[in-house]
Amino acid sequence: MALKPCKVCGTLNAEGVDTCLSCGHDPEGSKRPAIFRYIAIAIVVCLAIPLISGLFNWILWQLKPKTPKPNPSKVSLVLNEIPDPLKKI
């Protein structure tokens, strides 16, 4: 008894079996359409692009030099008391 690969999953099966022991399909059946492979690749790319771009932006943000903060001016908003000219010293 010879072994033949399943056309769907590639598992070796005996020559006279009706269903593949691995995937359950007919071993002489056709492969899955290539569209499934293309859809899987498109999904991976759609998930990978935002992840890679976010990582790239984070790295650039970490490498950007820190800008010095301006020193706040020391302005007092409280008026000093006006000296009383009649007050004895």
Foldseek 3Di string as FASTA:
>chain_A
DDWDAQQAPGDTDDPPDQADPPPGHGSPDHYDDCVVVVVVVVVVVVVVVVVVVVVVVVVVVVPDDDDDDDDDDDDDPDDDDDDDPVDDD
